[in-house]
Protein backbone atom coordinates (compact mmCIF):
# COMPACT_ATOMS: atom_id res chain seq x y z
CA MET A 1 0.60 -1.54 -7.71
CA THR A 2 -2.03 -3.80 -6.20
CA GLU A 3 -0.03 -4.97 -3.22
CA ARG A 4 -0.21 -2.95 -0.05
CA VAL A 5 2.87 -0.98 0.95
CA ILE A 6 3.42 0.06 4.57
CA ALA A 7 4.83 3.56 5.03
CA ASP A 8 7.93 3.53 7.23
CA ARG A 9 7.67 7.29 7.90
CA LEU A 10 5.30 10.18 7.25
CA LEU A 11 4.97 10.64 3.48
CA LEU A 12 3.49 13.38 1.34
CA VAL A 13 2.44 11.43 -1.75
CA ASP A 14 1.77 12.99 -5.13
CA THR A 15 3.16 10.22 -7.38
CA VAL A 16 3.27 6.44 -6.91
CA ASP A 17 5.58 4.20 -8.95
CA ARG A 18 6.39 7.15 -11.27
CA TRP A 19 3.23 6.47 -13.33
CA PHE A 20 0.31 7.18 -11.00
CA HIS A 21 -0.20 10.90 -10.35
CA LEU A 22 -2.64 12.14 -7.72
CA GLU A 23 -4.94 15.08 -8.38
CA GLU A 24 -4.00 16.44 -4.93
CA PRO A 25 -1.11 15.32 -2.69
CA THR A 26 -2.05 13.36 0.42
CA PHE A 27 -0.29 12.43 3.65
CA VAL A 28 0.34 8.78 4.53
CA ASP A 29 1.45 8.35 8.15
CA ALA A 30 4.04 5.85 9.37
CA GLY A 31 2.52 2.37 9.69
CA GLN A 32 -0.37 3.07 7.32
CA ALA A 33 -0.82 0.87 4.25
CA TYR A 34 -1.45 2.28 0.77
CA TRP A 35 -2.13 0.85 -2.68
CA ILE A 36 -3.56 1.82 -6.06
CA ASP A 37 -7.04 0.63 -7.01
CA ARG A 38 -6.64 0.47 -10.78
CA SER A 39 -10.36 -0.16 -11.37
CA THR A 40 -11.24 3.28 -9.95
CA SER A 41 -7.91 5.12 -10.50
CA GLU A 42 -7.61 5.94 -6.81
CA LEU A 43 -4.89 5.76 -4.20
CA CYS A 44 -6.30 3.91 -1.18
CA VAL A 45 -4.87 4.53 2.28
CA ASP A 46 -5.74 2.27 5.22
CA ARG A 47 -5.71 4.79 8.06
CA GLY A 48 -5.47 2.04 10.71
CA ASP A 49 -8.69 2.92 12.52
CA GLY A 50 -11.06 1.06 10.20
CA ARG A 51 -11.17 3.85 7.60
CA VAL A 52 -9.79 3.61 4.08
CA SER A 53 -9.46 7.01 2.41
CA ARG A 54 -9.52 7.20 -1.39
CA HIS A 55 -7.72 9.83 -3.45
CA ALA A 56 -8.31 10.41 -7.16
CA GLY A 57 -5.47 10.16 -9.62
CA ALA A 58 -4.54 8.91 -13.09
CA MET A 59 -2.04 6.63 -14.75
CA CYS A 60 0.31 8.65 -16.96
CA ARG A 61 2.90 7.50 -19.46
């Protein structure tokens, strides 16, 4: 997933696209964008106030 997805409601994310598993679950609020940075194995969340938080994870198969 390299395209940004906009959350339509508050989400508690621990897995993205069935294959990317976060080390720790994270909240994504409604209206915030999120995507996977495959080069660093992180979930990126644009918090909407100029901050992008990064959350470690791994691709699993």
